[in-house]
């Protein structure tokens, strides 16, 4: 099973790139974030023609998450159980071939100490509660998405300079680590060791050309999946395209 995560930064803008990538890479499941579209405008038909069923929840101009799958998508949960209809569309969960997949677009946080930063930390607390109440770590569970958090020094192009800045504060890492303590493993780090590779590069200041990035797109899995993991890579190919997303896909593969 090949499962990927990709913040596409507007699915309708990036749909030609997404479809081309799907046909070339042939992932079984893709979790996408920042779709930036209301549900009625989601490109369900185009993706169906490419061979993918879809489950999605979105908002105009920002947020939005979706799961694309070659296999049936079952038991879909859109948002946290206590969300109201106006809550940001940042999480979708579903089961595909027995794997419980939780796809997240963690809040950015805006500025340290701001209300949006507090919302980010609170949202991560709610995510851990969601795992505690709805998931069993002894089964196949996969958390992925744009976490908007770099967990380790190797995940930052210049860790000393970035220390204490948004995406790399102790508070954000602690909140994300609390989610991880459910029993999840960072599969990229497990399989690749302390390599310094990134999944996001700012559009500004030539960050992509200088490889000044962050690894904030993650795939974390329960022990049963970790034991069946084969590979986990960051596919930078789409980042070379014209008008790309600022994120690159992360792809993990697991034995049956």
Protein backbone atom coordinates (compact mmCIF):
# COMPACT_ATOMS: atom_id res chain seq x y z
CA UNK A 1 0.00 0.00 0.00
CA UNK A 2 1.41 3.35 -1.07
CA UNK A 3 0.06 6.32 0.90
CA UNK A 4 0.99 9.94 0.27
CA UNK A 5 0.33 13.35 1.78
CA UNK A 6 0.52 16.63 -0.11
CA UNK A 7 -0.48 20.20 0.66
CA UNK A 8 -1.50 21.22 -2.84
CA UNK A 9 -2.19 24.88 -1.95
CA UNK A 10 -5.45 25.11 -3.96
CA UNK A 11 -6.61 21.91 -5.59
CA UNK A 12 -8.36 23.58 -8.52
CA UNK A 13 -5.29 25.65 -9.37
CA UNK A 14 -3.05 22.61 -9.06
CA UNK A 15 -5.39 19.96 -10.54
CA UNK A 16 -3.37 19.43 -13.78
CA UNK A 17 -0.21 18.90 -11.73
CA UNK A 18 -2.03 16.65 -9.27
CA UNK A 19 -3.55 14.43 -11.96
CA UNK A 20 -0.24 14.15 -13.83
CA UNK A 21 1.47 13.18 -10.58
CA UNK A 22 -1.21 10.62 -9.70
CA UNK A 23 -0.88 8.93 -13.08
CA UNK A 24 2.92 8.88 -12.87
CA UNK A 25 3.37 7.81 -9.24
CA UNK A 26 0.21 5.67 -8.81
CA UNK A 27 -0.27 6.07 -5.04
CA UNK A 28 -3.09 4.01 -3.57
CA UNK A 29 -4.18 6.79 -1.22
CA UNK A 30 -3.38 10.50 -1.22
CA UNK A 31 -4.26 12.88 1.58
CA UNK A 32 -4.35 16.47 0.39
CA UNK A 33 -4.54 19.69 2.37
CA UNK A 34 -5.30 23.34 1.75
CA UNK A 35 -7.76 22.51 -1.02
CA UNK A 36 -9.18 26.04 -0.80
CA UNK A 37 -12.55 25.23 -2.31
CA UNK A 38 -16.13 24.70 -1.21
CA UNK A 39 -17.39 21.15 -1.59
CA UNK A 40 -19.56 21.84 -4.63
CA UNK A 41 -16.47 22.99 -6.55
CA UNK A 42 -14.24 20.09 -5.56
CA UNK A 43 -12.89 18.35 -8.73
CA UNK A 44 -14.51 15.03 -7.90
CA UNK A 45 -15.24 14.08 -11.52
CA UNK A 46 -11.71 14.81 -12.78
CA UNK A 47 -10.18 12.76 -9.98
CA UNK A 48 -12.67 9.97 -10.60
CA UNK A 49 -11.58 9.85 -14.23
CA UNK A 50 -8.00 9.45 -12.96
CA UNK A 51 -9.12 6.40 -10.96
CA UNK A 52 -9.65 7.87 -7.49
CA UNK A 53 -12.63 7.90 -5.17
CA UNK A 54 -12.78 10.99 -2.95
CA UNK A 55 -13.93 12.18 0.45
CA UNK A 56 -13.52 15.86 1.23
CA UNK A 57 -14.52 18.84 3.32
CA UNK A 58 -13.63 22.38 2.33
CA UNK A 59 -14.04 26.11 2.56
CA UNK A 60 -13.71 28.93 0.08
CA UNK A 61 -10.23 30.48 -0.25
CA UNK A 62 -8.58 28.65 2.65
CA UNK A 63 -8.34 25.38 4.60
CA UNK A 64 -9.89 22.19 3.20
CA UNK A 65 -8.75 18.55 3.31
CA UNK A 66 -9.50 15.49 1.21
CA UNK A 67 -8.69 11.81 0.86
CA UNK A 68 -8.24 10.31 -2.62
CA UNK A 69 -8.20 6.53 -2.91
CA UNK A 70 -8.13 3.74 -5.46
CA UNK A 71 -10.07 1.66 -2.94
CA UNK A 72 -13.38 2.21 -1.13
CA UNK A 73 -13.32 4.99 1.47
CA UNK A 74 -15.27 3.94 4.55
CA UNK A 75 -16.41 5.41 7.87
CA UNK A 76 -15.64 9.02 6.99
CA UNK A 77 -15.36 11.57 9.82
CA UNK A 78 -15.21 15.22 8.80
CA UNK A 79 -13.76 17.38 11.55
CA UNK A 80 -13.83 16.72 15.27
CA UNK A 81 -17.08 15.27 16.64
CA UNK A 82 -17.86 18.46 18.58
CA UNK A 83 -17.17 20.85 15.68
CA UNK A 84 -20.00 23.10 14.56
CA UNK A 85 -20.71 23.72 10.89
CA UNK A 86 -18.60 26.89 10.87
CA UNK A 87 -15.47 25.23 12.27
CA UNK A 88 -12.36 25.39 10.05
CA UNK A 89 -12.15 22.38 7.73
CA UNK A 90 -8.81 20.98 8.84
CA UNK A 91 -9.30 17.29 9.52
CA UNK A 92 -10.83 14.32 7.77
CA UNK A 93 -10.57 10.68 8.83
CA UNK A 94 -11.54 7.51 7.00
CA UNK A 95 -10.74 3.82 6.74
CA UNK A 96 -9.15 2.40 3.59
CA UNK A 97 -8.38 -1.33 3.39
CA UNK A 98 -8.39 -1.58 7.18
CA UNK A 99 -6.11 1.41 7.78
CA UNK A 100 -7.59 4.25 9.80
CA UNK A 101 -6.23 7.39 8.13
CA UNK A 102 -6.38 10.80 9.79
CA UNK A 103 -5.53 13.62 7.39
CA UNK A 104 -4.78 16.98 9.01
CA UNK A 105 -4.00 20.54 8.09
CA UNK A 106 -2.76 21.83 11.43
CA UNK A 107 -3.34 25.57 11.97
CA UNK A 108 -0.41 27.79 11.04
CA UNK A 109 -0.45 29.80 14.24
CA UNK A 110 0.14 33.23 12.64
CA UNK A 111 2.31 34.88 15.33
CA UNK A 112 3.71 33.49 18.55
CA UNK A 113 1.51 34.49 21.47
CA UNK A 114 -1.42 35.47 19.25
CA UNK A 115 -4.95 34.09 19.51
CA UNK A 116 -4.26 32.06 16.38
CA UNK A 117 -1.16 30.57 18.02
CA UNK A 118 -3.24 29.58 21.05
CA UNK A 119 -5.85 28.11 18.70
CA UNK A 120 -3.11 25.97 17.12
CA UNK A 121 -2.00 24.56 20.47
CA UNK A 122 -5.60 23.95 21.54
CA UNK A 123 -6.37 22.28 18.21
CA UNK A 124 -3.48 19.84 18.74
CA UNK A 125 -4.85 19.00 22.19
CA UNK A 126 -8.18 18.21 20.55
CA UNK A 127 -6.41 16.06 17.96
CA UNK A 128 -4.84 13.95 20.72
CA UNK A 129 -8.24 13.63 22.39
CA UNK A 130 -9.69 12.49 19.07
CA UNK A 131 -7.08 9.71 18.92
CA UNK A 132 -7.76 8.68 22.50
CA UNK A 133 -11.50 8.50 21.95
CA UNK A 134 -11.72 7.01 18.45
CA UNK A 135 -8.53 5.09 17.61
CA UNK A 136 -6.84 1.91 18.84
CA UNK A 137 -3.03 2.05 18.74
CA UNK A 138 -2.95 -1.76 18.46
CA UNK A 139 -4.54 -1.49 14.99
CA UNK A 140 -3.39 0.10 11.72
CA UNK A 141 -3.56 3.87 12.28
CA UNK A 142 -1.93 6.56 10.15
CA UNK A 143 -1.75 10.28 10.86
CA UNK A 144 -0.52 12.54 8.10
CA UNK A 145 -0.70 16.01 6.68
CA UNK A 146 0.75 19.48 6.90
CA UNK A 147 1.56 19.69 10.62
CA UNK A 148 2.99 23.22 10.40
CA UNK A 149 5.56 22.02 12.93
CA UNK A 150 9.19 21.01 12.38
CA UNK A 151 9.93 18.49 15.12
CA UNK A 152 13.72 18.20 15.10
CA UNK A 153 16.81 20.25 14.23
CA UNK A 154 17.26 18.12 11.09
CA UNK A 155 13.83 19.32 9.93
CA UNK A 156 15.00 22.94 9.69
CA UNK A 157 17.52 24.36 7.22
CA UNK A 158 19.09 26.53 9.95
CA UNK A 159 17.95 25.27 13.33
CA UNK A 160 19.88 27.75 15.52
CA UNK A 161 18.48 30.69 13.58
CA UNK A 162 14.97 29.21 13.56
CA UNK A 163 14.84 28.28 17.26
CA UNK A 164 11.87 29.95 18.92
CA UNK A 165 10.31 31.04 15.64
CA UNK A 166 6.91 29.96 14.34
CA UNK A 167 6.83 26.25 13.39
CA UNK A 168 9.85 25.52 15.60
CA UNK A 169 8.92 26.70 19.08
CA UNK A 170 9.09 24.49 22.15
CA UNK A 171 5.35 24.94 22.68
CA UNK A 172 4.46 23.71 19.18
CA UNK A 173 6.84 20.77 19.36
CA UNK A 174 5.56 19.79 22.79
CA UNK A 175 1.93 19.89 21.61
CA UNK A 176 2.77 17.81 18.56
CA UNK A 177 4.84 15.40 20.65
CA UNK A 178 1.81 14.87 22.89
CA UNK A 179 -0.11 13.71 19.84
CA UNK A 180 2.79 11.43 18.92
CA UNK A 181 2.76 9.89 22.40
CA UNK A 182 -0.48 8.17 21.47
CA UNK A 183 1.95 5.60 20.12
CA UNK A 184 2.89 6.90 16.68
CA UNK A 185 6.20 6.71 14.80
CA UNK A 186 7.56 9.29 12.36
CA UNK A 187 8.05 6.83 9.52
CA UNK A 188 10.31 9.12 7.48
CA UNK A 189 12.74 9.48 10.35
CA UNK A 190 12.55 5.78 11.24
CA UNK A 191 13.50 4.69 7.73
CA UNK A 192 15.89 7.46 6.73
CA UNK A 193 17.70 8.37 9.92
CA UNK A 194 18.94 11.92 10.65
CA UNK A 195 18.98 13.14 7.04
CA UNK A 196 18.27 16.82 6.47
CA UNK A 197 15.45 16.90 3.90
CA UNK A 198 12.55 19.31 3.60
CA UNK A 199 8.96 19.28 2.33
CA UNK A 200 8.20 23.02 2.29
CA UNK A 201 10.05 26.04 0.92
CA UNK A 202 8.83 29.63 1.14
CA UNK A 203 7.97 31.18 -2.21
CA UNK A 204 10.01 34.24 -1.21
CA UNK A 205 13.75 35.04 -1.11
CA UNK A 206 14.76 32.13 -3.35
CA UNK A 207 14.21 29.65 -0.52
CA UNK A 208 13.58 26.77 -2.95
CA UNK A 209 16.66 27.50 -5.02
CA UNK A 210 18.77 27.75 -1.84
CA UNK A 211 17.13 24.68 -0.28
CA UNK A 212 16.17 26.73 2.75
CA UNK A 213 13.18 24.68 3.80
CA UNK A 214 11.37 22.90 6.61
CA UNK A 215 10.07 19.36 6.98
CA UNK A 216 6.55 20.06 8.20
CA UNK A 217 4.65 17.45 6.15
CA UNK A 218 4.63 14.15 7.99
CA UNK A 219 3.39 10.57 8.01
CA UNK A 220 3.19 9.01 11.48
CA UNK A 221 1.95 5.47 12.05
CA UNK A 222 1.01 2.97 14.74
CA UNK A 223 3.39 0.08 15.57
CA UNK A 224 1.67 -2.45 13.30
CA UNK A 225 2.18 -0.19 10.28
CA UNK A 226 5.68 0.83 11.35
CA UNK A 227 6.66 -2.82 11.35
CA UNK A 228 5.39 -3.19 7.77
CA UNK A 229 6.98 -0.01 6.43
CA UNK A 230 9.15 -0.29 3.33
CA UNK A 231 10.02 3.26 2.37
CA UNK A 232 9.20 6.91 2.96
CA UNK A 233 10.42 9.64 0.62
CA UNK A 234 9.84 13.29 -0.16
CA UNK A 235 9.08 13.66 -3.86
CA UNK A 236 10.47 17.04 -4.89
CA UNK A 237 9.59 16.58 -8.57
CA UNK A 238 6.36 18.67 -8.49
CA UNK A 239 8.20 21.55 -6.82
CA UNK A 240 10.22 22.08 -10.01
CA UNK A 241 7.08 22.76 -12.08
CA UNK A 242 5.77 26.16 -13.09
CA UNK A 243 3.44 27.65 -10.45
CA UNK A 244 3.95 24.78 -8.00
CA UNK A 245 2.63 24.30 -4.52
CA UNK A 246 5.12 25.43 -1.91
CA UNK A 247 4.97 21.88 -0.48
CA UNK A 248 6.24 18.60 -1.91
CA UNK A 249 4.45 15.25 -1.52
CA UNK A 250 5.61 12.71 1.05
CA UNK A 251 5.10 9.06 0.07
CA UNK A 252 5.22 6.01 2.35
CA UNK A 253 4.90 2.39 1.31
CA UNK A 254 3.83 -0.55 3.46
CA UNK A 255 3.73 -4.31 3.07
CA UNK A 256 0.26 -5.92 3.24
